[in-house]
Amino acid sequence: QVQLVESGGGLVQPGGSLRLSCAASGSISSIYTMGWYRQAPGKQRDLVAGISNSGNTNYADSVKGRFTISRDNAKNTVYLQMNSLKPEDTAVYYCYAAKLFFPPNYWGQGTQVTVSS
């Protein structure tokens, strides 16, 4: 089993920045990809960004150029730097870990990100 603990959500004004962190523990050796999904009220959970343990990344089109995912394998932690935030980025952000690229095998508890003036 793998446990994921997220931190860093909160309230930010449009145009602002936030950094999310997700620390993994447990059977870390089984994990290949880590990343983030998000879910807005009344909508499905969608992929935001993912990163493999070799550093390959992928992003949703809606966040390209604004969000950056990174990973510290020594700390078993993945980060999501979110810049130029928009109200439509408001959602619960869920960290995930996968044994391959997809599907996610493990989920964090979620952290709320609210972008509002």
C-alpha atoms as a PDB file:
ATOM      1  CA  GLN A   1       0.000   0.000   0.000  1.00  0.00           C
ATOM      2  CA  VAL A   2       0.946   3.616  -0.583  1.00  0.00           C
ATOM      3  CA  GLN A   3      -0.218   6.557   1.491  1.00  0.00           C
ATOM      4  CA  LEU A   4      -0.368  10.068   0.010  1.00  0.00           C
ATOM      5  CA  VAL A   5      -0.586  13.248   2.079  1.00  0.00           C
ATOM      6  CA  GLU A   6      -1.245  16.559   0.343  1.00  0.00           C
ATOM      7  CA  SER A   7      -0.663  20.092   1.543  1.00  0.00           C
ATOM      8  CA  GLY A   8      -0.620  23.622   0.193  1.00  0.00           C
ATOM      9  CA  GLY A   9      -4.174  24.368  -0.880  1.00  0.00           C
ATOM     10  CA  GLY A  10      -6.012  27.530   0.039  1.00  0.00           C
ATOM     11  CA  LEU A  11      -7.632  30.732  -1.149  1.00  0.00           C
ATOM     12  CA  VAL A  12      -5.833  32.917  -3.673  1.00  0.00           C
ATOM     13  CA  GLN A  13      -6.777  35.861  -5.849  1.00  0.00           C
ATOM     14  CA  PRO A  14      -6.904  35.565  -9.636  1.00  0.00           C
ATOM     15  CA  GLY A  15      -3.406  35.876 -11.066  1.00  0.00           C
ATOM     16  CA  GLY A  16      -1.852  34.555  -7.875  1.00  0.00           C
ATOM     17  CA  SER A  17       0.199  31.444  -7.195  1.00  0.00           C
ATOM     18  CA  LEU A  18       0.036  28.371  -4.994  1.00  0.00           C
ATOM     19  CA  ARG A  19       2.284  25.366  -4.545  1.00  0.00           C
ATOM     20  CA  LEU A  20       0.842  21.963  -3.722  1.00  0.00           C
ATOM     21  CA  SER A  21       2.905  19.169  -2.208  1.00  0.00           C
ATOM     22  CA  CYS A  22       2.199  15.460  -1.940  1.00  0.00           C
ATOM     23  CA  ALA A  23       4.346  13.158   0.151  1.00  0.00           C
ATOM     24  CA  ALA A  24       4.209   9.407  -0.432  1.00  0.00           C
ATOM     25  CA  SER A  25       4.963   6.676   2.068  1.00  0.00           C
ATOM     26  CA  GLY A  26       4.635   2.908   2.181  1.00  0.00           C
ATOM     27  CA  SER A  27       5.448   0.694  -0.813  1.00  0.00           C
ATOM     28  CA  ILE A  28       7.216   3.471  -2.715  1.00  0.00           C
ATOM     29  CA  SER A  29       9.200   1.137  -4.953  1.00  0.00           C
ATOM     30  CA  SER A  30       5.987   0.122  -6.724  1.00  0.00           C
ATOM     31  CA  ILE A  31       5.249   3.654  -7.892  1.00  0.00           C
ATOM     32  CA  TYR A  32       6.128   4.859 -11.394  1.00  0.00           C
ATOM     33  CA  THR A  33       3.994   7.959 -11.899  1.00  0.00           C
ATOM     34  CA  MET A  34       2.735  10.602  -9.498  1.00  0.00           C
ATOM     35  CA  GLY A  35       0.641  13.627 -10.197  1.00  0.00           C
ATOM     36  CA  TRP A  36      -2.546  15.559  -9.705  1.00  0.00           C
ATOM     37  CA  TYR A  37      -6.190  15.408 -10.701  1.00  0.00           C
ATOM     38  CA  ARG A  38      -8.800  17.994  -9.847  1.00  0.00           C
ATOM     39  CA  GLN A  39     -12.556  17.958  -9.429  1.00  0.00           C
ATOM     40  CA  ALA A  40     -14.803  21.013  -9.467  1.00  0.00           C
ATOM     41  CA  PRO A  41     -18.340  20.857  -8.020  1.00  0.00           C
ATOM     42  CA  GLY A  42     -20.659  18.956 -10.332  1.00  0.00           C
ATOM     43  CA  LYS A  43     -17.859  17.953 -12.682  1.00  0.00           C
ATOM     44  CA  GLN A  44     -15.792  14.840 -13.258  1.00  0.00           C
ATOM     45  CA  ARG A  45     -12.303  14.374 -11.892  1.00  0.00           C
ATOM     46  CA  ASP A  46      -9.782  15.346 -14.571  1.00  0.00           C
ATOM     47  CA  LEU A  47      -6.041  14.927 -14.913  1.00  0.00           C
ATOM     48  CA  VAL A  48      -4.027  18.089 -14.287  1.00  0.00           C
ATOM     49  CA  ALA A  49      -0.453  16.858 -14.567  1.00  0.00           C
ATOM     50  CA  GLY A  50       1.658  13.759 -14.072  1.00  0.00           C
ATOM     51  CA  ILE A  51       5.362  12.962 -13.809  1.00  0.00           C
ATOM     52  CA  SER A  52       7.168   9.647 -14.061  1.00  0.00           C
ATOM     53  CA  ASN A  53      10.084   8.656 -11.857  1.00  0.00           C
ATOM     54  CA  SER A  54      12.345   9.364 -14.843  1.00  0.00           C
ATOM     55  CA  GLY A  55      10.995  12.908 -15.164  1.00  0.00           C
ATOM     56  CA  ASN A  56       8.636  12.582 -18.128  1.00  0.00           C
ATOM     57  CA  THR A  57       5.707  14.956 -17.693  1.00  0.00           C
ATOM     58  CA  ASN A  58       2.274  15.523 -19.165  1.00  0.00           C
ATOM     59  CA  TYR A  59      -0.198  18.342 -18.609  1.00  0.00           C
ATOM     60  CA  ALA A  60      -3.798  19.131 -19.326  1.00  0.00           C
ATOM     61  CA  ASP A  61      -4.058  21.707 -22.111  1.00  0.00           C
ATOM     62  CA  SER A  62      -5.845  24.094 -19.762  1.00  0.00           C
ATOM     63  CA  VAL A  63      -2.821  24.398 -17.452  1.00  0.00           C
ATOM     64  CA  LYS A  64       0.087  24.267 -19.905  1.00  0.00           C
ATOM     65  CA  GLY A  65       2.371  27.260 -19.456  1.00  0.00           C
ATOM     66  CA  ARG A  66       0.891  28.081 -16.039  1.00  0.00           C
ATOM     67  CA  PHE A  67       1.437  24.952 -13.925  1.00  0.00           C
ATOM     68  CA  THR A  68       4.685  23.067 -13.389  1.00  0.00           C
ATOM     69  CA  ILE A  69       4.953  19.604 -11.890  1.00  0.00           C
ATOM     70  CA  SER A  70       8.158  18.387 -10.297  1.00  0.00           C
ATOM     71  CA  ARG A  71       9.251  15.432  -8.247  1.00  0.00           C
ATOM     72  CA  ASP A  72      11.873  14.800  -5.577  1.00  0.00           C
ATOM     73  CA  ASN A  73      12.453  11.060  -5.630  1.00  0.00           C
ATOM     74  CA  ALA A  74      14.710  11.234  -2.574  1.00  0.00           C
ATOM     75  CA  LYS A  75      11.832  12.703  -0.560  1.00  0.00           C
ATOM     76  CA  ASN A  76       9.101  10.708  -2.338  1.00  0.00           C
ATOM     77  CA  THR A  77       7.315  13.992  -2.908  1.00  0.00           C
ATOM     78  CA  VAL A  78       5.639  15.559  -5.932  1.00  0.00           C
ATOM     79  CA  TYR A  79       4.952  19.274  -6.274  1.00  0.00           C
ATOM     80  CA  LEU A  80       2.567  21.332  -8.373  1.00  0.00           C
ATOM     81  CA  GLN A  81       3.520  24.962  -8.832  1.00  0.00           C
ATOM     82  CA  MET A  82       0.445  26.852  -9.998  1.00  0.00           C
ATOM     83  CA  ASN A  83       0.894  30.340 -11.414  1.00  0.00           C
ATOM     84  CA  SER A  84      -1.476  32.797 -13.071  1.00  0.00           C
ATOM     85  CA  LEU A  85      -4.392  31.113 -11.351  1.00  0.00           C
ATOM     86  CA  LYS A  86      -7.885  31.624 -12.740  1.00  0.00           C
ATOM     87  CA  PRO A  87     -11.296  31.223 -11.105  1.00  0.00           C
ATOM     88  CA  GLU A  88     -11.846  28.148 -13.279  1.00  0.00           C
ATOM     89  CA  ASP A  89      -8.915  26.476 -11.526  1.00  0.00           C
ATOM     90  CA  THR A  90     -11.051  26.299  -8.397  1.00  0.00           C
ATOM     91  CA  ALA A  91     -11.432  22.643  -7.436  1.00  0.00           C
ATOM     92  CA  VAL A  92     -10.402  19.952  -5.017  1.00  0.00           C
ATOM     93  CA  TYR A  93      -6.960  18.779  -6.092  1.00  0.00           C
ATOM     94  CA  TYR A  94      -6.139  15.112  -5.569  1.00  0.00           C
ATOM     95  CA  CYS A  95      -2.667  13.668  -5.576  1.00  0.00           C
ATOM     96  CA  TYR A  96      -2.350  10.250  -7.191  1.00  0.00           C
ATOM     97  CA  ALA A  97       0.251   7.537  -7.592  1.00  0.00           C
ATOM     98  CA  ALA A  98       0.307   4.892 -10.290  1.00  0.00           C
ATOM     99  CA  LYS A  99       2.279   1.726 -10.943  1.00  0.00           C
ATOM    100  CA  LEU A 100       2.343   2.648 -14.640  1.00  0.00           C
ATOM    101  CA  PHE A 101       1.324   5.894 -16.363  1.00  0.00           C
ATOM    102  CA  PHE A 102      -2.354   5.114 -15.852  1.00  0.00           C
ATOM    103  CA  PRO A 103      -4.677   4.367 -14.162  1.00  0.00           C
ATOM    104  CA  PRO A 104      -4.095   5.832 -10.722  1.00  0.00           C
ATOM    105  CA  ASN A 105      -3.737   3.137  -8.091  1.00  0.00           C
ATOM    106  CA  TYR A 106      -3.670   5.361  -5.003  1.00  0.00           C
ATOM    107  CA  TRP A 107      -5.255   8.672  -4.070  1.00  0.00           C
ATOM    108  CA  GLY A 108      -4.665  11.378  -1.516  1.00  0.00           C
ATOM    109  CA  GLN A 109      -7.473  12.879   0.531  1.00  0.00           C
ATOM    110  CA  GLY A 110      -7.696  16.034  -1.588  1.00  0.00           C
ATOM    111  CA  THR A 111      -6.924  19.682  -0.924  1.00  0.00           C
ATOM    112  CA  GLN A 112      -9.169  22.618  -1.780  1.00  0.00           C
ATOM    113  CA  VAL A 113      -7.908  25.343  -4.092  1.00  0.00           C
ATOM    114  CA  THR A 114     -10.140  28.389  -4.417  1.00  0.00           C
ATOM    115  CA  VAL A 115      -9.348  31.224  -6.806  1.00  0.00           C
ATOM    116  CA  SER A 116     -11.500  34.223  -6.059  1.00  0.00           C
ATOM    117  CA  SER A 117     -11.282  37.954  -5.489  1.00  0.00           C
END
